[in-house]
N, C-alpha and C. Protein backbone atom coordinates (compact mmCIF):
# COMPACT_ATOMS: atom_id res chain seq x y z
N MET A 1 14.48 31.23 13.34
CA MET A 1 14.23 30.95 14.74
C MET A 1 13.36 32.07 15.30
N ILE A 2 12.32 31.67 16.02
CA ILE A 2 11.43 32.63 16.67
C ILE A 2 11.20 32.19 18.11
N THR A 3 10.49 32.99 18.86
CA THR A 3 10.01 32.59 20.18
C THR A 3 8.52 32.35 20.07
N LEU A 4 8.08 31.20 20.52
CA LEU A 4 6.67 30.81 20.44
C LEU A 4 6.25 30.33 21.83
N ALA A 5 5.25 30.96 22.40
CA ALA A 5 4.75 30.61 23.74
C ALA A 5 5.89 30.60 24.76
N GLY A 6 6.84 31.53 24.58
CA GLY A 6 7.94 31.67 25.53
C GLY A 6 9.10 30.72 25.32
N LEU A 7 9.05 29.91 24.26
CA LEU A 7 10.12 28.95 23.98
C LEU A 7 10.72 29.21 22.60
N PRO A 8 12.04 29.02 22.45
CA PRO A 8 12.64 29.16 21.12
C PRO A 8 12.09 28.09 20.18
N GLN A 9 11.84 28.46 18.94
CA GLN A 9 11.24 27.54 17.98
C GLN A 9 11.88 27.71 16.61
N VAL A 10 12.35 26.61 16.04
CA VAL A 10 12.83 26.59 14.66
C VAL A 10 11.60 26.56 13.76
N LEU A 11 11.57 27.39 12.74
CA LEU A 11 10.47 27.36 11.77
C LEU A 11 10.81 26.33 10.69
N TRP A 12 10.11 25.21 10.73
CA TRP A 12 10.33 24.11 9.80
C TRP A 12 9.34 24.21 8.64
N PRO A 13 9.70 23.68 7.48
CA PRO A 13 8.70 23.56 6.41
C PRO A 13 7.58 22.64 6.90
N THR A 14 6.39 22.80 6.35
CA THR A 14 5.27 21.93 6.69
C THR A 14 5.66 20.49 6.39
N HIS A 15 5.45 19.61 7.37
CA HIS A 15 5.79 18.19 7.18
C HIS A 15 5.00 17.33 8.15
N CYS A 16 4.78 16.08 7.79
CA CYS A 16 4.13 15.08 8.64
C CYS A 16 2.78 15.53 9.18
N VAL A 17 1.99 16.19 8.35
CA VAL A 17 0.66 16.66 8.75
C VAL A 17 -0.29 15.47 8.80
N ARG A 18 -1.00 15.35 9.92
CA ARG A 18 -1.93 14.23 10.11
C ARG A 18 -2.84 14.09 8.89
N GLY A 19 -2.96 12.86 8.41
CA GLY A 19 -3.80 12.58 7.26
C GLY A 19 -3.09 12.74 5.92
N SER A 20 -1.84 13.23 5.94
CA SER A 20 -1.10 13.41 4.69
C SER A 20 -0.18 12.21 4.44
N ARG A 21 0.30 12.10 3.22
CA ARG A 21 1.23 11.03 2.86
C ARG A 21 2.48 11.10 3.73
N GLY A 22 2.94 12.30 4.06
CA GLY A 22 4.15 12.47 4.87
C GLY A 22 4.01 11.96 6.29
N ALA A 23 2.79 11.82 6.77
CA ALA A 23 2.56 11.32 8.12
C ALA A 23 2.20 9.84 8.13
N ALA A 24 2.03 9.26 6.96
CA ALA A 24 1.61 7.87 6.87
C ALA A 24 2.76 6.92 7.18
N LEU A 25 2.41 5.77 7.72
CA LEU A 25 3.40 4.71 7.91
C LEU A 25 3.67 4.07 6.55
N VAL A 26 4.89 3.63 6.34
CA VAL A 26 5.22 3.03 5.04
C VAL A 26 4.42 1.75 4.85
N GLU A 27 4.00 1.51 3.62
CA GLU A 27 3.14 0.37 3.32
C GLU A 27 3.80 -0.97 3.65
N ALA A 28 5.12 -1.05 3.52
CA ALA A 28 5.81 -2.31 3.76
C ALA A 28 5.85 -2.69 5.23
N LEU A 29 5.51 -1.77 6.12
CA LEU A 29 5.52 -2.04 7.56
C LEU A 29 4.33 -2.91 7.93
N ASP A 30 4.61 -4.04 8.58
CA ASP A 30 3.54 -4.91 9.07
C ASP A 30 2.91 -4.22 10.28
N GLN A 31 1.72 -3.68 10.07
CA GLN A 31 1.06 -2.88 11.10
C GLN A 31 0.17 -3.70 12.04
N ARG A 32 0.12 -5.00 11.86
CA ARG A 32 -0.75 -5.83 12.69
C ARG A 32 -0.34 -5.83 14.16
N LEU A 33 0.91 -5.55 14.46
CA LEU A 33 1.38 -5.58 15.84
C LEU A 33 1.38 -4.19 16.49
N ILE A 34 0.93 -3.18 15.78
CA ILE A 34 0.88 -1.83 16.35
C ILE A 34 -0.32 -1.74 17.28
N ALA A 35 -0.06 -1.47 18.55
CA ALA A 35 -1.13 -1.40 19.55
C ALA A 35 -1.72 0.00 19.65
N ALA A 36 -0.93 1.03 19.37
CA ALA A 36 -1.41 2.40 19.51
C ALA A 36 -0.46 3.35 18.79
N LEU A 37 -0.99 4.48 18.39
CA LEU A 37 -0.19 5.56 17.81
C LEU A 37 -0.34 6.78 18.72
N PHE A 38 0.72 7.56 18.87
CA PHE A 38 0.71 8.71 19.76
C PHE A 38 1.08 9.96 18.97
N PRO A 39 0.09 10.70 18.52
CA PRO A 39 0.38 11.92 17.75
C PRO A 39 1.07 12.95 18.63
N LYS A 40 1.90 13.75 18.00
CA LYS A 40 2.58 14.84 18.69
C LYS A 40 2.59 16.05 17.77
N GLY A 41 2.92 17.20 18.32
CA GLY A 41 2.96 18.41 17.51
C GLY A 41 1.58 18.87 17.06
N CYS A 42 0.56 18.57 17.84
CA CYS A 42 -0.81 18.90 17.46
C CYS A 42 -1.27 20.27 17.96
N ASP A 43 -0.50 20.88 18.84
CA ASP A 43 -0.85 22.18 19.42
C ASP A 43 -0.11 23.27 18.64
N PRO A 44 -0.82 24.18 17.98
CA PRO A 44 -0.14 25.22 17.19
C PRO A 44 0.65 26.22 18.04
N GLU A 45 0.48 26.18 19.35
CA GLU A 45 1.19 27.11 20.24
C GLU A 45 2.52 26.59 20.74
N ILE A 46 2.80 25.29 20.55
CA ILE A 46 4.07 24.74 21.03
C ILE A 46 4.45 23.53 20.19
N ASP A 47 5.72 23.46 19.84
CA ASP A 47 6.18 22.33 19.04
C ASP A 47 6.37 21.12 19.94
N SER A 48 6.62 20.00 19.33
CA SER A 48 6.72 18.76 20.09
C SER A 48 7.71 17.84 19.40
N TYR A 49 8.98 17.94 19.78
CA TYR A 49 9.99 17.07 19.19
C TYR A 49 9.93 15.66 19.78
N SER A 50 9.70 15.56 21.07
CA SER A 50 9.73 14.28 21.77
C SER A 50 8.45 13.48 21.53
N GLY A 51 8.60 12.18 21.53
CA GLY A 51 7.45 11.30 21.49
C GLY A 51 6.72 11.23 22.82
N PHE A 52 7.33 11.79 23.88
CA PHE A 52 6.75 11.73 25.22
C PHE A 52 6.07 13.02 25.65
N PHE A 53 6.65 14.17 25.33
CA PHE A 53 6.15 15.47 25.81
C PHE A 53 6.30 16.54 24.74
N ASP A 54 5.55 17.63 24.89
CA ASP A 54 5.79 18.80 24.04
C ASP A 54 7.11 19.44 24.46
N ASN A 55 7.58 20.42 23.69
CA ASN A 55 8.90 21.00 23.94
C ASN A 55 9.00 21.72 25.29
N GLY A 56 7.90 22.13 25.86
CA GLY A 56 7.93 22.77 27.16
C GLY A 56 7.75 21.79 28.30
N GLY A 57 7.54 20.51 27.98
CA GLY A 57 7.29 19.51 29.01
C GLY A 57 5.96 19.72 29.70
N ARG A 58 5.06 20.46 29.05
CA ARG A 58 3.78 20.83 29.65
C ARG A 58 2.70 19.77 29.45
N ARG A 59 2.78 19.06 28.34
CA ARG A 59 1.74 18.10 28.00
C ARG A 59 2.36 16.78 27.54
N SER A 60 1.86 15.70 28.09
CA SER A 60 2.32 14.37 27.72
C SER A 60 1.56 13.89 26.49
N THR A 61 2.22 13.10 25.66
CA THR A 61 1.54 12.48 24.52
C THR A 61 0.76 11.24 24.95
N GLY A 62 1.06 10.72 26.14
CA GLY A 62 0.44 9.49 26.62
C GLY A 62 1.31 8.26 26.41
N LEU A 63 2.40 8.42 25.65
CA LEU A 63 3.28 7.28 25.36
C LEU A 63 3.88 6.69 26.63
N GLY A 64 4.42 7.52 27.50
CA GLY A 64 5.05 7.02 28.72
C GLY A 64 4.07 6.26 29.59
N GLU A 65 2.89 6.81 29.74
CA GLU A 65 1.86 6.17 30.55
C GLU A 65 1.43 4.84 29.93
N PHE A 66 1.34 4.81 28.60
CA PHE A 66 0.98 3.59 27.88
C PHE A 66 2.01 2.50 28.14
N LEU A 67 3.31 2.85 28.01
CA LEU A 67 4.37 1.87 28.23
C LEU A 67 4.37 1.37 29.67
N GLN A 68 4.22 2.29 30.60
CA GLN A 68 4.23 1.93 32.01
C GLN A 68 3.07 1.00 32.35
N ALA A 69 1.90 1.28 31.83
CA ALA A 69 0.72 0.45 32.11
C ALA A 69 0.91 -0.98 31.61
N ARG A 70 1.76 -1.16 30.63
CA ARG A 70 2.00 -2.48 30.06
C ARG A 70 3.28 -3.12 30.58
N GLY A 71 3.94 -2.47 31.54
CA GLY A 71 5.14 -3.03 32.14
C GLY A 71 6.36 -3.00 31.25
N VAL A 72 6.35 -2.14 30.24
CA VAL A 72 7.51 -2.03 29.34
C VAL A 72 8.62 -1.30 30.09
N ASP A 73 9.82 -1.88 30.11
CA ASP A 73 10.92 -1.23 30.81
C ASP A 73 12.13 -0.98 29.91
N GLU A 74 11.97 -1.26 28.61
CA GLU A 74 13.06 -1.09 27.66
C GLU A 74 12.49 -0.58 26.34
N VAL A 75 13.13 0.44 25.75
CA VAL A 75 12.68 0.95 24.46
C VAL A 75 13.86 1.08 23.50
N PHE A 76 13.55 0.94 22.22
CA PHE A 76 14.49 1.18 21.14
C PHE A 76 13.98 2.42 20.40
N VAL A 77 14.85 3.38 20.16
CA VAL A 77 14.47 4.63 19.50
C VAL A 77 15.23 4.72 18.18
N LEU A 78 14.53 5.14 17.12
CA LEU A 78 15.16 5.39 15.83
C LEU A 78 14.25 6.27 15.01
N GLY A 79 14.75 6.83 13.93
CA GLY A 79 13.92 7.63 13.04
C GLY A 79 14.57 8.93 12.65
N LEU A 80 13.73 9.91 12.32
CA LEU A 80 14.17 11.24 11.91
C LEU A 80 13.71 12.23 12.95
N ALA A 81 14.46 13.11 13.27
CA ALA A 81 15.83 13.37 12.92
C ALA A 81 16.69 13.23 14.18
N THR A 82 17.86 12.65 14.00
CA THR A 82 18.76 12.37 15.12
C THR A 82 18.91 13.57 16.05
N ASP A 83 19.07 14.75 15.47
CA ASP A 83 19.37 15.96 16.24
C ASP A 83 18.13 16.72 16.73
N TYR A 84 16.94 16.18 16.49
CA TYR A 84 15.72 16.83 16.98
C TYR A 84 14.78 15.79 17.60
N CYS A 85 13.86 15.27 16.84
CA CYS A 85 12.82 14.39 17.42
C CYS A 85 13.41 13.14 18.06
N VAL A 86 14.36 12.52 17.42
CA VAL A 86 14.96 11.31 17.97
C VAL A 86 15.69 11.65 19.28
N LYS A 87 16.48 12.71 19.26
CA LYS A 87 17.24 13.10 20.45
C LYS A 87 16.31 13.40 21.63
N PHE A 88 15.29 14.22 21.41
CA PHE A 88 14.41 14.59 22.51
C PHE A 88 13.58 13.41 23.01
N THR A 89 13.19 12.51 22.12
CA THR A 89 12.48 11.31 22.54
C THR A 89 13.38 10.43 23.41
N ALA A 90 14.60 10.19 22.94
CA ALA A 90 15.53 9.34 23.70
C ALA A 90 15.88 9.97 25.05
N LEU A 91 16.11 11.29 25.06
CA LEU A 91 16.44 11.96 26.33
C LEU A 91 15.27 11.90 27.31
N ASP A 92 14.05 12.12 26.82
CA ASP A 92 12.89 12.01 27.71
C ASP A 92 12.72 10.59 28.22
N ALA A 93 12.96 9.62 27.38
CA ALA A 93 12.86 8.22 27.82
C ALA A 93 13.92 7.91 28.87
N ALA A 94 15.12 8.43 28.68
CA ALA A 94 16.22 8.16 29.60
C ALA A 94 15.99 8.80 30.97
N ARG A 95 15.30 9.93 31.00
CA ARG A 95 15.08 10.59 32.28
C ARG A 95 13.66 10.40 32.81
N SER A 96 12.92 9.54 32.19
CA SER A 96 11.54 9.31 32.61
C SER A 96 11.44 8.08 33.49
N GLY A 97 12.22 8.05 34.57
CA GLY A 97 12.16 6.93 35.50
C GLY A 97 10.76 6.70 36.02
N SER A 98 9.96 7.76 36.03
CA SER A 98 8.58 7.60 36.51
C SER A 98 7.77 6.68 35.59
N PHE A 99 8.22 6.47 34.38
CA PHE A 99 7.53 5.56 33.47
C PHE A 99 8.05 4.13 33.62
N GLY A 100 9.02 3.94 34.47
CA GLY A 100 9.56 2.61 34.71
C GLY A 100 10.53 2.13 33.64
N LEU A 101 11.01 3.03 32.79
CA LEU A 101 11.96 2.63 31.75
C LEU A 101 13.35 2.48 32.36
N LYS A 102 13.93 1.30 32.15
CA LYS A 102 15.25 1.02 32.70
C LYS A 102 16.34 1.04 31.63
N LYS A 103 15.95 0.82 30.39
CA LYS A 103 16.93 0.74 29.31
C LYS A 103 16.40 1.47 28.09
N VAL A 104 17.20 2.39 27.58
CA VAL A 104 16.86 3.12 26.35
C VAL A 104 18.01 2.90 25.39
N ARG A 105 17.67 2.38 24.21
CA ARG A 105 18.69 2.11 23.19
C ARG A 105 18.36 2.90 21.93
N LEU A 106 19.37 3.52 21.36
CA LEU A 106 19.23 4.25 20.10
C LEU A 106 19.83 3.41 18.99
N VAL A 107 19.04 3.13 17.96
CA VAL A 107 19.52 2.38 16.79
C VAL A 107 20.12 3.41 15.83
N VAL A 108 21.41 3.61 15.93
CA VAL A 108 22.10 4.71 15.25
C VAL A 108 21.93 4.65 13.74
N ASP A 109 22.07 3.46 13.14
CA ASP A 109 21.95 3.37 11.68
C ASP A 109 20.50 3.38 11.22
N GLY A 110 19.58 3.54 12.13
CA GLY A 110 18.17 3.72 11.79
C GLY A 110 17.75 5.18 11.92
N CYS A 111 18.73 6.08 11.98
CA CYS A 111 18.48 7.51 12.17
C CYS A 111 19.25 8.34 11.15
N ARG A 112 18.76 9.54 10.93
CA ARG A 112 19.48 10.53 10.12
C ARG A 112 19.28 11.89 10.77
N ALA A 113 20.31 12.71 10.70
CA ALA A 113 20.26 14.06 11.29
C ALA A 113 19.88 15.10 10.25
N VAL A 114 19.33 16.22 10.72
CA VAL A 114 19.03 17.35 9.86
C VAL A 114 20.30 18.15 9.59
N GLU A 115 21.11 18.33 10.65
CA GLU A 115 22.37 19.07 10.54
C GLU A 115 22.17 20.52 10.12
N LEU A 116 21.31 21.26 10.84
CA LEU A 116 21.20 22.70 10.56
C LEU A 116 22.57 23.35 10.67
N ARG A 117 23.34 22.86 11.62
CA ARG A 117 24.75 23.27 11.76
C ARG A 117 25.58 22.00 11.67
N PRO A 118 26.70 22.05 10.94
CA PRO A 118 27.56 20.86 10.87
C PRO A 118 27.92 20.36 12.27
N GLY A 119 27.79 19.06 12.46
CA GLY A 119 28.12 18.47 13.75
C GLY A 119 26.94 18.28 14.67
N ASP A 120 25.75 18.78 14.29
CA ASP A 120 24.57 18.63 15.15
C ASP A 120 24.24 17.16 15.42
N GLY A 121 24.38 16.31 14.42
CA GLY A 121 24.08 14.90 14.60
C GLY A 121 25.03 14.24 15.58
N ALA A 122 26.32 14.51 15.44
CA ALA A 122 27.31 13.94 16.35
C ALA A 122 27.11 14.48 17.77
N ALA A 123 26.77 15.75 17.88
CA ALA A 123 26.52 16.34 19.21
C ALA A 123 25.29 15.69 19.85
N ALA A 124 24.27 15.40 19.06
CA ALA A 124 23.07 14.74 19.58
C ALA A 124 23.40 13.34 20.08
N LEU A 125 24.20 12.60 19.32
CA LEU A 125 24.61 11.26 19.76
C LEU A 125 25.38 11.34 21.07
N ALA A 126 26.27 12.31 21.17
CA ALA A 126 27.06 12.48 22.41
C ALA A 126 26.15 12.82 23.59
N ALA A 127 25.17 13.68 23.38
CA ALA A 127 24.25 14.07 24.45
C ALA A 127 23.43 12.86 24.91
N MET A 128 22.97 12.07 23.96
CA MET A 128 22.17 10.90 24.32
C MET A 128 23.02 9.88 25.08
N SER A 129 24.22 9.64 24.60
CA SER A 129 25.12 8.71 25.27
C SER A 129 25.42 9.18 26.69
N ALA A 130 25.69 10.47 26.85
CA ALA A 130 25.98 11.03 28.18
C ALA A 130 24.79 10.89 29.12
N ALA A 131 23.58 10.84 28.57
CA ALA A 131 22.37 10.70 29.39
C ALA A 131 22.04 9.23 29.70
N GLY A 132 22.90 8.31 29.23
CA GLY A 132 22.69 6.90 29.53
C GLY A 132 22.01 6.10 28.44
N VAL A 133 21.77 6.73 27.29
CA VAL A 133 21.18 6.01 26.16
C VAL A 133 22.27 5.15 25.53
N GLU A 134 21.98 3.87 25.34
CA GLU A 134 22.94 2.96 24.73
C GLU A 134 22.84 3.09 23.21
N LEU A 135 23.97 3.36 22.55
CA LEU A 135 24.00 3.50 21.10
C LEU A 135 24.35 2.15 20.48
N ILE A 136 23.45 1.64 19.64
CA ILE A 136 23.64 0.33 19.02
C ILE A 136 23.33 0.42 17.53
N ASP A 137 23.64 -0.65 16.79
CA ASP A 137 23.27 -0.70 15.38
C ASP A 137 22.07 -1.62 15.20
N ALA A 138 21.52 -1.62 14.00
CA ALA A 138 20.29 -2.38 13.72
C ALA A 138 20.49 -3.87 13.91
N ALA A 139 21.65 -4.40 13.55
CA ALA A 139 21.90 -5.83 13.71
C ALA A 139 21.84 -6.21 15.19
N THR A 140 22.41 -5.38 16.04
CA THR A 140 22.36 -5.62 17.49
C THR A 140 20.93 -5.53 18.00
N ALA A 141 20.18 -4.53 17.53
CA ALA A 141 18.78 -4.37 17.95
C ALA A 141 17.97 -5.61 17.59
N LEU A 142 18.16 -6.13 16.38
CA LEU A 142 17.42 -7.33 15.96
C LEU A 142 17.81 -8.53 16.79
N ALA A 143 19.10 -8.67 17.08
CA ALA A 143 19.55 -9.80 17.91
C ALA A 143 18.95 -9.70 19.31
N LEU A 144 18.93 -8.49 19.88
CA LEU A 144 18.35 -8.30 21.21
C LEU A 144 16.85 -8.60 21.19
N ALA A 145 16.17 -8.17 20.15
CA ALA A 145 14.73 -8.41 20.04
C ALA A 145 14.42 -9.90 19.94
N ARG A 146 15.35 -10.66 19.37
CA ARG A 146 15.18 -12.12 19.27
C ARG A 146 15.66 -12.84 20.52
N GLY A 147 16.15 -12.09 21.51
CA GLY A 147 16.65 -12.69 22.74
C GLY A 147 18.03 -13.26 22.61
N GLU A 148 18.80 -12.78 21.66
CA GLU A 148 20.14 -13.32 21.41
C GLU A 148 21.25 -12.49 22.06
N GLY A 149 20.91 -11.64 23.00
CA GLY A 149 21.99 -10.82 23.56
C GLY A 149 21.73 -10.29 24.91
């Protein structure tokens, strides 16, 4: 752990570097419906766990504005890692009323935690739930996406 640009920063191994295999979308994903990608973590002076803002809340990725411009009021969040990027993305979505988001759902079985400390994943789930994020499973997410719930 260090301080970077006045903020605490975990030193992570190099991962998900733009243009690398680690940053690529999986081949099995049908990418025809992807309207835009929003890179994050591009500034070497500040990390960016959230899909909406850098860790200092200083710079937007453009995701919130993109969703708002299209009238999106509900998002489903999942991925890696429950206790970092997923948590900060869901929390920013839950408190980003200015983007017009009314419902934020976390697909719990679509996430995995890093667990730097035992219990970090459970604590992240509790924090998201306390912030109004609805915790659901993938079957529920698919049913909702099909209009079945």
